[in-house]
Amino acid sequence: MNKKTDRGYADLHEHLRALEAAGLLVKVERAINKDTEMHPLVRWQFRGGIAERDRKAFLFNHVVDSRNRKYDIPVVVGALAASREIYRIGMNCPLEKINETWTRAARRWR
C-alpha cells in the first residue's frame, strides 16, 4: 500500500515504490526509442496483448528518439490505472471501496 503522509496521499515516487513492491512495475533501464519501441509496447498492452489482470506499469529511464536524441526525464506509463490492482494501490483502499473513496475525495475539493 502507498505510504500515507501528512498530505494524505502518496506522491508519484512513493506510488511507484508501492507498485514495485507489489510486483506491478517494470523498470526499463536500457535506452528505449519513444517513437518505435515505447508506443508499440504500450499499445500492445492496452489493445489486446495482455489481459487486464496481468498489466503492469512501465518506467522507462533512458528515453531516446529515432534521431538518437536523449531525453533526461523518465517516462512512466500505466502507473495510475493499467489494472484494477494498480488503481486500487493508487487509491490506497480496497477495490470495493474505490467509489466511496473517490466520492469522499471529490466532496472535499468542491
N, C-alpha and C. Protein backbone atom coordinates (compact mmCIF):
# COMPACT_ATOMS: atom_id res chain seq x y z
N MET A 1 0.84 -1.18 0.00
CA MET A 1 0.00 0.00 0.00
C MET A 1 0.88 1.24 0.00
N ASN A 2 0.32 2.30 -0.51
CA ASN A 2 1.03 3.57 -0.51
C ASN A 2 1.18 4.09 0.90
N LYS A 3 2.31 4.67 1.17
CA LYS A 3 2.55 5.29 2.46
C LYS A 3 1.75 6.58 2.54
N LYS A 4 0.98 6.72 3.59
CA LYS A 4 0.25 7.97 3.78
C LYS A 4 1.19 8.98 4.43
N THR A 5 1.08 10.19 4.00
CA THR A 5 1.89 11.27 4.55
C THR A 5 0.97 12.30 5.16
N ASP A 6 1.56 13.37 5.67
CA ASP A 6 0.73 14.42 6.25
C ASP A 6 -0.15 15.09 5.18
N ARG A 7 0.17 14.90 3.92
CA ARG A 7 -0.68 15.46 2.87
C ARG A 7 -1.86 14.54 2.56
N GLY A 8 -1.86 13.31 3.09
CA GLY A 8 -2.99 12.40 2.95
C GLY A 8 -2.93 11.48 1.75
N TYR A 9 -1.91 11.58 0.93
CA TYR A 9 -1.79 10.72 -0.24
C TYR A 9 -0.32 10.58 -0.60
N ALA A 10 -0.03 9.54 -1.35
CA ALA A 10 1.34 9.29 -1.78
C ALA A 10 1.69 10.16 -2.98
N ASP A 11 2.93 10.62 -3.06
CA ASP A 11 3.36 11.31 -4.28
C ASP A 11 3.73 10.26 -5.32
N LEU A 12 4.10 10.69 -6.51
CA LEU A 12 4.38 9.75 -7.60
C LEU A 12 5.52 8.79 -7.25
N HIS A 13 6.57 9.30 -6.63
CA HIS A 13 7.70 8.44 -6.28
C HIS A 13 7.28 7.36 -5.28
N GLU A 14 6.50 7.74 -4.28
CA GLU A 14 6.00 6.77 -3.30
C GLU A 14 5.09 5.75 -3.97
N HIS A 15 4.26 6.23 -4.88
CA HIS A 15 3.35 5.33 -5.60
C HIS A 15 4.14 4.32 -6.44
N LEU A 16 5.17 4.77 -7.12
CA LEU A 16 6.00 3.87 -7.92
C LEU A 16 6.70 2.84 -7.04
N ARG A 17 7.15 3.24 -5.87
CA ARG A 17 7.76 2.28 -4.94
C ARG A 17 6.73 1.24 -4.49
N ALA A 18 5.49 1.68 -4.25
CA ALA A 18 4.43 0.74 -3.86
C ALA A 18 4.13 -0.25 -4.99
N LEU A 19 4.10 0.25 -6.23
CA LEU A 19 3.87 -0.64 -7.38
C LEU A 19 5.03 -1.63 -7.52
N GLU A 20 6.24 -1.16 -7.34
CA GLU A 20 7.40 -2.05 -7.45
C GLU A 20 7.33 -3.13 -6.36
N ALA A 21 6.99 -2.74 -5.14
CA ALA A 21 6.88 -3.71 -4.04
C ALA A 21 5.81 -4.75 -4.33
N ALA A 22 4.76 -4.36 -5.05
CA ALA A 22 3.66 -5.27 -5.39
C ALA A 22 3.96 -6.09 -6.65
N GLY A 23 5.12 -5.86 -7.26
CA GLY A 23 5.47 -6.58 -8.49
C GLY A 23 4.73 -6.07 -9.71
N LEU A 24 4.29 -4.81 -9.65
CA LEU A 24 3.48 -4.24 -10.74
C LEU A 24 4.20 -3.15 -11.52
N LEU A 25 5.49 -3.02 -11.33
CA LEU A 25 6.26 -2.02 -12.05
C LEU A 25 7.42 -2.69 -12.77
N VAL A 26 7.53 -2.45 -14.07
CA VAL A 26 8.65 -2.93 -14.86
C VAL A 26 9.55 -1.73 -15.13
N LYS A 27 10.78 -1.81 -14.64
CA LYS A 27 11.75 -0.74 -14.89
C LYS A 27 12.57 -1.11 -16.12
N VAL A 28 12.58 -0.24 -17.10
CA VAL A 28 13.35 -0.47 -18.32
C VAL A 28 14.56 0.46 -18.25
N GLU A 29 15.73 -0.13 -18.07
CA GLU A 29 16.95 0.65 -17.87
C GLU A 29 17.73 0.89 -19.16
N ARG A 30 17.51 0.05 -20.17
CA ARG A 30 18.22 0.26 -21.44
C ARG A 30 17.57 1.42 -22.19
N ALA A 31 18.27 1.97 -23.15
CA ALA A 31 17.68 3.03 -23.97
C ALA A 31 16.47 2.48 -24.71
N ILE A 32 15.39 3.22 -24.69
CA ILE A 32 14.17 2.82 -25.40
C ILE A 32 13.74 3.95 -26.31
N ASN A 33 13.50 3.61 -27.56
CA ASN A 33 13.10 4.60 -28.55
C ASN A 33 11.62 4.91 -28.37
N LYS A 34 11.32 6.16 -28.06
CA LYS A 34 9.93 6.55 -27.81
C LYS A 34 9.09 6.44 -29.08
N ASP A 35 9.71 6.54 -30.23
CA ASP A 35 8.97 6.51 -31.50
C ASP A 35 8.69 5.09 -32.00
N THR A 36 9.64 4.19 -31.81
CA THR A 36 9.50 2.87 -32.41
C THR A 36 9.31 1.73 -31.41
N GLU A 37 9.66 1.94 -30.15
CA GLU A 37 9.56 0.85 -29.17
C GLU A 37 8.53 1.13 -28.08
N MET A 38 8.56 2.30 -27.51
CA MET A 38 7.68 2.59 -26.37
C MET A 38 6.21 2.56 -26.77
N HIS A 39 5.86 3.26 -27.80
CA HIS A 39 4.46 3.33 -28.22
C HIS A 39 3.89 1.95 -28.57
N PRO A 40 4.58 1.12 -29.37
CA PRO A 40 4.02 -0.21 -29.66
C PRO A 40 3.87 -1.08 -28.41
N LEU A 41 4.81 -0.99 -27.48
CA LEU A 41 4.69 -1.78 -26.25
C LEU A 41 3.45 -1.38 -25.46
N VAL A 42 3.26 -0.09 -25.30
CA VAL A 42 2.11 0.40 -24.55
C VAL A 42 0.82 0.06 -25.29
N ARG A 43 0.80 0.25 -26.58
CA ARG A 43 -0.38 -0.07 -27.37
C ARG A 43 -0.73 -1.55 -27.27
N TRP A 44 0.28 -2.41 -27.36
CA TRP A 44 0.07 -3.85 -27.25
C TRP A 44 -0.56 -4.21 -25.91
N GLN A 45 -0.08 -3.61 -24.85
CA GLN A 45 -0.61 -3.91 -23.52
C GLN A 45 -2.09 -3.55 -23.41
N PHE A 46 -2.48 -2.42 -23.97
CA PHE A 46 -3.85 -1.94 -23.79
C PHE A 46 -4.80 -2.31 -24.92
N ARG A 47 -4.29 -2.82 -26.02
CA ARG A 47 -5.16 -3.14 -27.15
C ARG A 47 -5.25 -4.63 -27.40
N GLY A 48 -5.16 -5.44 -26.36
CA GLY A 48 -5.41 -6.86 -26.51
C GLY A 48 -4.24 -7.79 -26.32
N GLY A 49 -3.07 -7.27 -26.07
CA GLY A 49 -1.92 -8.14 -25.93
C GLY A 49 -1.77 -8.76 -24.56
N ILE A 50 -2.23 -8.08 -23.53
CA ILE A 50 -2.06 -8.56 -22.16
C ILE A 50 -3.41 -8.44 -21.45
N ALA A 51 -3.81 -9.50 -20.77
CA ALA A 51 -5.06 -9.45 -20.00
C ALA A 51 -4.96 -8.37 -18.94
N GLU A 52 -6.06 -7.72 -18.64
CA GLU A 52 -6.08 -6.60 -17.69
C GLU A 52 -5.43 -6.99 -16.36
N ARG A 53 -5.69 -8.16 -15.86
CA ARG A 53 -5.15 -8.58 -14.55
C ARG A 53 -3.63 -8.74 -14.58
N ASP A 54 -3.04 -8.87 -15.77
CA ASP A 54 -1.60 -9.08 -15.90
C ASP A 54 -0.84 -7.83 -16.31
N ARG A 55 -1.53 -6.72 -16.49
CA ARG A 55 -0.87 -5.48 -16.93
C ARG A 55 0.00 -4.91 -15.82
N LYS A 56 1.03 -4.22 -16.24
CA LYS A 56 1.97 -3.60 -15.33
C LYS A 56 2.18 -2.15 -15.74
N ALA A 57 2.73 -1.39 -14.82
CA ALA A 57 3.20 -0.05 -15.14
C ALA A 57 4.64 -0.20 -15.65
N PHE A 58 5.05 0.68 -16.54
CA PHE A 58 6.40 0.67 -17.09
C PHE A 58 7.07 2.00 -16.80
N LEU A 59 8.30 1.93 -16.31
CA LEU A 59 9.11 3.12 -16.09
C LEU A 59 10.31 3.04 -17.02
N PHE A 60 10.35 3.94 -17.99
CA PHE A 60 11.44 3.99 -18.95
C PHE A 60 12.40 5.08 -18.49
N ASN A 61 13.60 4.67 -18.08
CA ASN A 61 14.56 5.62 -17.50
C ASN A 61 15.51 6.26 -18.50
N HIS A 62 15.64 5.67 -19.69
CA HIS A 62 16.56 6.21 -20.70
C HIS A 62 15.83 6.29 -22.04
N VAL A 63 15.17 7.40 -22.25
CA VAL A 63 14.34 7.58 -23.44
C VAL A 63 15.14 8.30 -24.52
N VAL A 64 15.06 7.76 -25.73
CA VAL A 64 15.67 8.37 -26.91
C VAL A 64 14.61 8.44 -28.00
N ASP A 65 14.93 9.15 -29.08
CA ASP A 65 14.02 9.16 -30.23
C ASP A 65 14.72 8.55 -31.43
N SER A 66 14.06 8.58 -32.56
CA SER A 66 14.60 7.95 -33.77
C SER A 66 15.85 8.64 -34.29
N ARG A 67 16.10 9.85 -33.86
CA ARG A 67 17.33 10.56 -34.24
C ARG A 67 18.41 10.40 -33.18
N ASN A 68 18.15 9.52 -32.21
CA ASN A 68 19.06 9.23 -31.11
C ASN A 68 19.25 10.40 -30.15
N ARG A 69 18.28 11.31 -30.14
CA ARG A 69 18.30 12.37 -29.12
C ARG A 69 17.92 11.75 -27.80
N LYS A 70 18.61 12.15 -26.75
CA LYS A 70 18.34 11.62 -25.42
C LYS A 70 17.47 12.60 -24.64
N TYR A 71 16.56 12.05 -23.87
CA TYR A 71 15.68 12.85 -23.02
C TYR A 71 16.05 12.57 -21.58
N ASP A 72 16.19 13.61 -20.78
CA ASP A 72 16.66 13.41 -19.41
C ASP A 72 15.54 13.22 -18.39
N ILE A 73 14.32 13.10 -18.87
CA ILE A 73 13.19 12.88 -17.97
C ILE A 73 12.64 11.48 -18.22
N PRO A 74 12.57 10.66 -17.18
CA PRO A 74 11.98 9.32 -17.35
C PRO A 74 10.51 9.43 -17.74
N VAL A 75 10.00 8.37 -18.34
CA VAL A 75 8.59 8.31 -18.73
C VAL A 75 7.97 7.11 -18.03
N VAL A 76 6.83 7.33 -17.38
CA VAL A 76 6.09 6.23 -16.76
C VAL A 76 4.76 6.10 -17.48
N VAL A 77 4.38 4.85 -17.75
CA VAL A 77 3.14 4.56 -18.47
C VAL A 77 2.38 3.51 -17.67
N GLY A 78 1.08 3.72 -17.52
CA GLY A 78 0.23 2.74 -16.87
C GLY A 78 0.31 2.76 -15.36
N ALA A 79 0.91 3.77 -14.77
CA ALA A 79 1.12 3.79 -13.32
C ALA A 79 -0.11 4.19 -12.53
N LEU A 80 -1.14 4.68 -13.20
CA LEU A 80 -2.32 5.11 -12.47
C LEU A 80 -3.49 4.15 -12.60
N ALA A 81 -3.63 3.53 -13.76
CA ALA A 81 -4.82 2.68 -13.93
C ALA A 81 -4.64 1.61 -15.00
N ALA A 82 -3.46 1.03 -15.12
CA ALA A 82 -3.27 -0.04 -16.11
C ALA A 82 -4.06 -1.28 -15.75
N SER A 83 -4.35 -1.44 -14.45
CA SER A 83 -5.15 -2.56 -13.99
C SER A 83 -5.93 -2.13 -12.76
N ARG A 84 -6.89 -2.94 -12.39
CA ARG A 84 -7.66 -2.63 -11.18
C ARG A 84 -6.77 -2.61 -9.95
N GLU A 85 -5.78 -3.50 -9.90
CA GLU A 85 -4.89 -3.55 -8.74
C GLU A 85 -4.01 -2.30 -8.68
N ILE A 86 -3.52 -1.84 -9.81
CA ILE A 86 -2.73 -0.61 -9.83
C ILE A 86 -3.60 0.57 -9.39
N TYR A 87 -4.82 0.63 -9.87
CA TYR A 87 -5.74 1.69 -9.48
C TYR A 87 -6.02 1.63 -7.98
N ARG A 88 -6.22 0.42 -7.46
CA ARG A 88 -6.51 0.24 -6.04
C ARG A 88 -5.34 0.73 -5.19
N ILE A 89 -4.13 0.39 -5.59
CA ILE A 89 -2.95 0.83 -4.86
C ILE A 89 -2.87 2.36 -4.89
N GLY A 90 -3.14 2.95 -6.04
CA GLY A 90 -3.13 4.40 -6.15
C GLY A 90 -4.18 5.08 -5.29
N MET A 91 -5.33 4.45 -5.16
CA MET A 91 -6.41 4.99 -4.33
C MET A 91 -6.20 4.67 -2.85
N ASN A 92 -5.27 3.76 -2.56
CA ASN A 92 -4.94 3.37 -1.19
C ASN A 92 -6.15 2.89 -0.41
N CYS A 93 -6.91 2.00 -1.05
CA CYS A 93 -8.11 1.44 -0.41
C CYS A 93 -8.43 0.10 -1.06
N PRO A 94 -9.29 -0.70 -0.41
CA PRO A 94 -9.72 -1.95 -1.04
C PRO A 94 -10.51 -1.67 -2.31
N LEU A 95 -10.47 -2.59 -3.25
CA LEU A 95 -11.16 -2.42 -4.53
C LEU A 95 -12.63 -2.06 -4.35
N GLU A 96 -13.30 -2.71 -3.43
CA GLU A 96 -14.73 -2.47 -3.24
C GLU A 96 -15.02 -1.11 -2.61
N LYS A 97 -14.00 -0.38 -2.17
CA LYS A 97 -14.19 0.94 -1.55
C LYS A 97 -13.78 2.10 -2.48
N ILE A 98 -13.42 1.79 -3.72
CA ILE A 98 -12.94 2.85 -4.61
C ILE A 98 -14.00 3.91 -4.85
N ASN A 99 -15.23 3.53 -5.16
CA ASN A 99 -16.27 4.53 -5.42
C ASN A 99 -16.48 5.42 -4.20
N GLU A 100 -16.55 4.81 -3.04
CA GLU A 100 -16.74 5.57 -1.80
C GLU A 100 -15.57 6.52 -1.55
N THR A 101 -14.36 6.03 -1.74
CA THR A 101 -13.16 6.84 -1.53
C THR A 101 -13.11 8.00 -2.53
N TRP A 102 -13.43 7.71 -3.78
CA TRP A 102 -13.43 8.73 -4.83
C TRP A 102 -14.46 9.81 -4.53
N THR A 103 -15.66 9.40 -4.15
CA THR A 103 -16.75 10.34 -3.84
C THR A 103 -16.36 11.23 -2.66
N ARG A 104 -15.79 10.64 -1.62
CA ARG A 104 -15.37 11.40 -0.45
C ARG A 104 -14.29 12.42 -0.84
N ALA A 105 -13.34 12.02 -1.67
CA ALA A 105 -12.30 12.94 -2.11
C ALA A 105 -12.86 14.07 -2.96
N ALA A 106 -13.80 13.76 -3.84
CA ALA A 106 -14.40 14.78 -4.71
C ALA A 106 -15.16 15.81 -3.88
N ARG A 107 -15.86 15.35 -2.86
CA ARG A 107 -16.59 16.29 -1.98
C ARG A 107 -15.65 17.22 -1.24
N ARG A 108 -14.51 16.73 -0.94
CA ARG A 108 -13.52 17.52 -0.19
C ARG A 108 -13.05 18.73 -0.99
N TRP A 109 -13.02 18.64 -2.31
CA TRP A 109 -12.46 19.70 -3.14
C TRP A 109 -13.49 20.60 -3.78
N ARG A 110 -14.74 20.47 -3.41
CA ARG A 110 -15.78 21.34 -4.01
C ARG A 110 -15.74 22.71 -3.43
